[in-house]
């Protein structure tokens, strides 16, 4: 009878996807501990734009984030969800994929989705509403887009309490254009400030954040080796003045997320460089929280 009960328990655990526990191994990478108390206190929270690990699946990216102690994720359209499937991340994803994504996040220690983009927001309210419904279901609080805001977006952002953040590439949505496009819209619509692309446009990031005060909804936070045609470096080692950017965000009382996003680098390079960004972020906010 004891053997039968043991076999039954093993079957139940296997059915729950916990076979690796029986083998003495975790089902997936567990969330590492880090000192992010100052981040949570100030409300400037660290997230990871999954595009950074675009060479991997979403499930593998979750494991990478968990190993660094990053609890918040910004997903992007087109990333393969898991090695065993060809399904990809999208606001049109199936109910089965939604369930699989939520289970993976829970198994990795309770990571949360907070952002989605860059993707267009439909022009028709009925379709746009489906996107907002999906975002609410996933726990997403910011939609990153290059879509020009309209009164319909005011309505949906307010109804769902979801931000709409206009993302700048080097040739799109400079701060002055964001200010003009959002001045007559609700405060939930503003900038996804990509500080690296500002540098590629030869704009000083801290100055642009100051200009956008009140309209910074989200950040793709970067520190490049040079202005113009620059490449990502660990935060605090480039020419972007990462500490100055965080200081300006604190001055503004910014409450939101700053996503790590690298445009270049192999997985091994990222595994070496991204923990340096995390350490810089935590140390800098700890210092800023004391002032």
Protein backbone atom coordinates (compact mmCIF):
# COMPACT_ATOMS: atom_id res chain seq x y z
CA UNK A 1 0.00 0.00 0.00
CA UNK A 2 2.86 2.37 0.83
CA UNK A 3 4.40 1.71 -2.57
CA UNK A 4 1.07 2.36 -4.27
CA UNK A 5 0.66 5.65 -2.41
CA UNK A 6 4.20 6.68 -3.36
CA UNK A 7 3.52 5.85 -7.00
CA UNK A 8 0.27 7.83 -6.89
CA UNK A 9 2.04 10.85 -5.38
CA UNK A 10 4.73 10.66 -8.04
CA UNK A 11 2.05 10.59 -10.76
CA UNK A 12 0.33 13.65 -9.29
CA UNK A 13 3.59 15.58 -9.10
CA UNK A 14 4.49 14.65 -12.65
CA UNK A 15 1.10 15.81 -13.81
CA UNK A 16 1.70 19.15 -12.13
CA UNK A 17 4.96 19.62 -14.01
CA UNK A 18 7.11 19.00 -10.93
CA UNK A 19 9.03 15.92 -12.01
CA UNK A 20 12.30 17.77 -11.51
CA UNK A 21 11.48 18.28 -7.82
CA UNK A 22 11.49 14.51 -7.37
CA UNK A 23 14.93 14.43 -8.93
CA UNK A 24 16.16 17.04 -6.47
CA UNK A 25 16.25 19.85 -9.07
CA UNK A 26 14.07 22.97 -9.35
CA UNK A 27 11.49 23.05 -12.16
CA UNK A 28 13.04 26.32 -13.40
CA UNK A 29 15.44 28.98 -12.23
CA UNK A 30 14.17 30.44 -8.97
CA UNK A 31 14.10 34.14 -8.24
CA UNK A 32 17.44 35.26 -6.84
CA UNK A 33 17.49 37.66 -3.93
CA UNK A 34 18.79 41.20 -4.36
CA UNK A 35 18.61 44.39 -2.36
CA UNK A 36 15.88 46.26 -4.21
CA UNK A 37 14.34 47.89 -1.14
CA UNK A 38 15.31 51.38 -2.29
CA UNK A 39 13.80 50.71 -5.71
CA UNK A 40 10.50 49.65 -4.22
CA UNK A 41 10.56 52.59 -1.80
CA UNK A 42 11.19 55.20 -4.49
CA UNK A 43 8.85 53.52 -6.98
CA UNK A 44 11.45 53.36 -9.76
CA UNK A 45 11.41 49.66 -10.50
CA UNK A 46 13.74 47.55 -12.61
CA UNK A 47 12.30 45.49 -15.45
CA UNK A 48 13.72 43.54 -18.36
CA UNK A 49 12.68 44.08 -21.98
CA UNK A 50 12.64 40.48 -23.20
CA UNK A 51 13.93 41.63 -26.59
CA UNK A 52 17.34 41.69 -24.89
CA UNK A 53 17.26 37.85 -24.95
CA UNK A 54 15.64 37.56 -28.38
CA UNK A 55 17.99 34.65 -29.18
CA UNK A 56 16.13 32.66 -26.50
CA UNK A 57 12.52 31.71 -25.94
CA UNK A 58 10.33 33.56 -23.45
CA UNK A 59 10.56 30.67 -20.98
CA UNK A 60 14.36 30.79 -21.15
CA UNK A 61 14.26 34.57 -20.76
CA UNK A 62 12.20 34.17 -17.58
CA UNK A 63 14.95 31.94 -16.19
CA UNK A 64 17.60 34.52 -17.10
CA UNK A 65 15.64 37.27 -15.34
CA UNK A 66 15.06 35.13 -12.26
CA UNK A 67 18.79 34.39 -11.94
CA UNK A 68 19.40 38.16 -11.76
CA UNK A 69 16.59 38.81 -9.29
CA UNK A 70 14.57 40.83 -11.83
CA UNK A 71 10.90 40.48 -10.95
CA UNK A 72 9.29 42.52 -13.73
CA UNK A 73 9.23 41.74 -17.44
CA UNK A 74 8.31 43.69 -20.56
CA UNK A 75 7.36 41.31 -23.34
CA UNK A 76 7.51 41.95 -27.06
CA UNK A 77 5.61 40.51 -30.03
CA UNK A 78 7.18 37.64 -31.91
CA UNK A 79 9.30 35.96 -29.26
CA UNK A 80 8.88 32.20 -29.29
CA UNK A 81 7.14 31.22 -26.06
CA UNK A 82 8.88 27.95 -25.23
CA UNK A 83 11.25 25.46 -26.87
CA UNK A 84 8.53 22.83 -27.31
CA UNK A 85 6.21 25.06 -29.35
CA UNK A 86 6.33 27.47 -32.29
CA UNK A 87 3.74 29.78 -30.74
CA UNK A 88 4.92 33.34 -30.16
CA UNK A 89 4.14 36.18 -27.77
CA UNK A 90 1.34 38.43 -28.96
CA UNK A 91 -1.72 40.18 -27.63
CA UNK A 92 -3.66 37.70 -29.78
CA UNK A 93 -2.12 34.66 -28.06
CA UNK A 94 -4.34 31.68 -27.22
CA UNK A 95 -5.86 30.91 -23.82
CA UNK A 96 -3.58 27.87 -23.61
CA UNK A 97 -0.49 30.01 -24.18
CA UNK A 98 -1.69 32.57 -21.63
CA UNK A 99 -2.05 29.79 -19.04
CA UNK A 100 1.41 28.42 -19.87
CA UNK A 101 3.00 31.87 -19.55
CA UNK A 102 1.34 32.50 -16.19
CA UNK A 103 2.43 29.12 -14.88
CA UNK A 104 6.01 29.71 -15.98
CA UNK A 105 6.09 33.08 -14.19
CA UNK A 106 4.71 31.53 -11.02
CA UNK A 107 7.12 28.59 -11.13
CA UNK A 108 10.08 30.96 -11.47
CA UNK A 109 9.24 32.69 -8.21
CA UNK A 110 6.33 34.96 -9.02
CA UNK A 111 7.70 37.18 -11.79
CA UNK A 112 5.23 39.69 -13.24
CA UNK A 113 4.53 41.04 -16.70
CA UNK A 114 4.34 44.84 -16.64
CA UNK A 115 4.78 45.98 -20.24
CA UNK A 116 4.22 44.99 -23.85
CA UNK A 117 5.71 46.43 -27.00
CA UNK A 118 6.73 47.78 -29.31
CA UNK A 119 3.48 47.09 -31.15
CA UNK A 120 0.76 49.03 -32.89
CA UNK A 121 -2.55 49.71 -31.14
CA UNK A 122 -5.55 49.12 -33.43
CA UNK A 123 -7.34 52.18 -34.76
CA UNK A 124 -10.80 50.69 -34.28
CA UNK A 125 -12.09 50.74 -30.70
CA UNK A 126 -13.46 47.20 -30.78
CA UNK A 127 -10.06 45.75 -31.72
CA UNK A 128 -8.15 48.10 -29.44
CA UNK A 129 -10.40 47.07 -26.56
CA UNK A 130 -9.42 43.43 -27.12
CA UNK A 131 -5.78 44.44 -26.75
CA UNK A 132 -6.50 46.33 -23.53
CA UNK A 133 -8.56 43.42 -22.18
CA UNK A 134 -5.65 41.09 -22.84
CA UNK A 135 -3.20 43.49 -21.18
CA UNK A 136 -5.40 43.72 -18.09
CA UNK A 137 -5.66 39.92 -17.96
CA UNK A 138 -1.86 39.61 -18.10
CA UNK A 139 -1.28 42.29 -15.45
CA UNK A 140 0.36 44.62 -17.96
CA UNK A 141 0.33 48.30 -16.99
CA UNK A 142 1.98 49.91 -20.02
CA UNK A 143 1.57 49.42 -23.76
CA UNK A 144 4.64 50.57 -25.68
CA UNK A 145 3.84 51.74 -29.19
CA UNK A 146 4.51 54.23 -31.97
CA UNK A 147 0.79 54.69 -32.62
CA UNK A 148 -0.39 58.32 -32.66
CA UNK A 149 -2.78 58.81 -29.71
CA UNK A 150 -6.44 59.67 -30.22
CA UNK A 151 -9.47 60.34 -28.02
CA UNK A 152 -10.24 56.63 -28.20
CA UNK A 153 -6.91 55.90 -26.53
CA UNK A 154 -7.76 58.43 -23.80
CA UNK A 155 -10.96 56.51 -23.18
CA UNK A 156 -9.36 53.07 -23.02
CA UNK A 157 -6.30 54.12 -21.01
CA UNK A 158 -8.57 55.71 -18.43
CA UNK A 159 -11.04 52.82 -18.34
CA UNK A 160 -8.36 50.16 -17.92
CA UNK A 161 -5.83 52.32 -16.05
CA UNK A 162 -3.14 51.32 -18.54
CA UNK A 163 -0.43 53.65 -19.82
CA UNK A 164 0.25 54.24 -23.50
CA UNK A 165 3.93 55.02 -24.03
CA UNK A 166 5.25 56.39 -27.32
CA UNK A 167 8.57 54.73 -28.04
CA UNK A 168 11.36 56.64 -29.73
CA UNK A 169 13.68 55.05 -32.23
CA UNK A 170 16.57 57.21 -33.51
CA UNK A 171 14.34 58.55 -36.28
CA UNK A 172 10.95 58.58 -34.54
CA UNK A 173 9.16 60.27 -31.64
CA UNK A 174 11.76 62.77 -30.41
CA UNK A 175 10.72 64.41 -27.11
CA UNK A 176 9.35 67.58 -28.75
CA UNK A 177 7.03 65.47 -30.93
CA UNK A 178 5.86 63.45 -27.93
CA UNK A 179 5.02 66.64 -26.05
CA UNK A 180 3.03 68.01 -28.99
CA UNK A 181 1.19 64.73 -29.58
CA UNK A 182 0.20 64.21 -25.93
CA UNK A 183 -0.49 67.73 -24.63
CA UNK A 184 -4.27 67.42 -25.07
CA UNK A 185 -4.48 63.82 -23.87
CA UNK A 186 -4.83 62.16 -20.48
CA UNK A 187 -1.74 61.87 -18.30
CA UNK A 188 -1.63 58.12 -18.90
CA UNK A 189 -0.30 58.81 -22.41
CA UNK A 190 3.30 59.90 -22.81
CA UNK A 191 6.83 58.71 -23.56
CA UNK A 192 8.55 55.35 -23.52
CA UNK A 193 11.92 57.04 -23.16
CA UNK A 194 14.57 54.97 -24.92
CA UNK A 195 17.71 56.65 -23.60
CA UNK A 196 20.02 54.76 -25.95
CA UNK A 197 18.14 55.86 -29.05
CA UNK A 198 18.27 59.44 -27.73
CA UNK A 199 22.05 59.10 -27.60
CA UNK A 200 22.03 57.78 -31.16
CA UNK A 201 20.17 60.98 -32.05
CA UNK A 202 22.83 62.99 -30.13
CA UNK A 203 20.36 64.01 -27.41
CA UNK A 204 21.48 64.11 -23.76
CA UNK A 205 19.18 61.67 -21.89
CA UNK A 206 18.88 63.51 -18.56
CA UNK A 207 18.00 66.74 -20.39
CA UNK A 208 15.27 64.97 -22.39
CA UNK A 209 13.80 63.39 -19.26
CA UNK A 210 13.63 66.83 -17.70
CA UNK A 211 11.88 68.19 -20.80
CA UNK A 212 9.34 65.36 -20.65
CA UNK A 213 8.50 65.77 -16.96
CA UNK A 214 4.96 64.59 -16.35
CA UNK A 215 4.89 62.56 -19.57
CA UNK A 216 7.48 59.86 -18.83
CA UNK A 217 5.39 56.69 -18.73
CA UNK A 218 8.10 54.05 -19.16
CA UNK A 219 11.79 53.69 -20.03
CA UNK A 220 14.05 51.53 -22.14
CA UNK A 221 17.06 52.41 -20.03
CA UNK A 222 20.47 52.26 -21.73
CA UNK A 223 24.01 53.59 -21.38
CA UNK A 224 26.04 53.66 -24.60
CA UNK A 225 29.77 53.88 -25.15
CA UNK A 226 29.34 57.04 -27.28
CA UNK A 227 26.85 59.41 -28.84
CA UNK A 228 25.89 58.76 -32.44
CA UNK A 229 26.54 55.17 -33.48
CA UNK A 230 27.01 53.80 -29.97
CA UNK A 231 26.62 50.37 -28.40
CA UNK A 232 25.29 49.23 -25.03
CA UNK A 233 27.56 49.06 -22.00
CA UNK A 234 26.85 48.12 -18.38
CA UNK A 235 25.09 51.05 -16.73
CA UNK A 236 27.40 53.63 -15.24
CA UNK A 237 30.30 52.81 -17.57
CA UNK A 238 29.09 54.62 -20.71
CA UNK A 239 28.66 58.24 -21.76
CA UNK A 240 24.93 58.51 -21.00
CA UNK A 241 25.27 59.52 -17.32
CA UNK A 242 23.05 56.74 -15.98
CA UNK A 243 23.26 58.12 -12.44
CA UNK A 244 22.16 61.52 -13.70
CA UNK A 245 19.16 59.94 -15.41
CA UNK A 246 18.08 58.12 -12.25
CA UNK A 247 18.62 61.28 -10.21
CA UNK A 248 16.34 63.20 -12.57
CA UNK A 249 13.67 60.50 -12.37
CA UNK A 250 13.78 60.67 -8.59
CA UNK A 251 13.49 64.48 -8.70
CA UNK A 252 10.37 64.16 -10.85
CA UNK A 253 8.81 61.61 -8.51
CA UNK A 254 8.64 59.13 -11.36
CA UNK A 255 6.77 55.96 -10.41
CA UNK A 256 7.17 53.27 -13.01
CA UNK A 257 9.59 50.89 -14.66
CA UNK A 258 13.00 51.17 -16.27
CA UNK A 259 13.59 48.22 -18.59
CA UNK A 260 17.06 46.92 -19.26
CA UNK A 261 17.34 46.57 -23.03
CA UNK A 262 20.47 45.64 -24.96
CA UNK A 263 20.55 45.91 -28.75
CA UNK A 264 23.72 43.82 -29.11
CA UNK A 265 25.51 40.94 -27.41
CA UNK A 266 25.54 37.16 -27.33
CA UNK A 267 23.72 35.35 -24.53
CA UNK A 268 27.02 34.81 -22.71
CA UNK A 269 27.85 38.52 -23.07
CA UNK A 270 24.44 39.44 -21.68
CA UNK A 271 24.83 37.04 -18.78
CA UNK A 272 28.07 38.86 -17.93
CA UNK A 273 26.92 42.46 -18.47
CA UNK A 274 23.32 42.59 -17.28
CA UNK A 275 24.07 41.69 -13.63
CA UNK A 276 26.37 44.74 -13.63
CA UNK A 277 23.39 46.89 -14.66
CA UNK A 278 21.31 45.38 -11.85
CA UNK A 279 24.05 46.05 -9.29
CA UNK A 280 24.48 49.65 -10.49
CA UNK A 281 20.74 50.27 -10.38
CA UNK A 282 20.35 48.93 -6.84
CA UNK A 283 23.43 50.75 -5.51
CA UNK A 284 22.46 54.06 -7.12
CA UNK A 285 18.88 53.97 -5.87
CA UNK A 286 20.09 53.03 -2.40
CA UNK A 287 22.27 56.14 -2.46
CA UNK A 288 19.46 58.32 -3.84
CA UNK A 289 16.98 57.04 -1.26
CA UNK A 290 19.15 58.52 1.50
CA UNK A 291 19.08 62.06 0.09
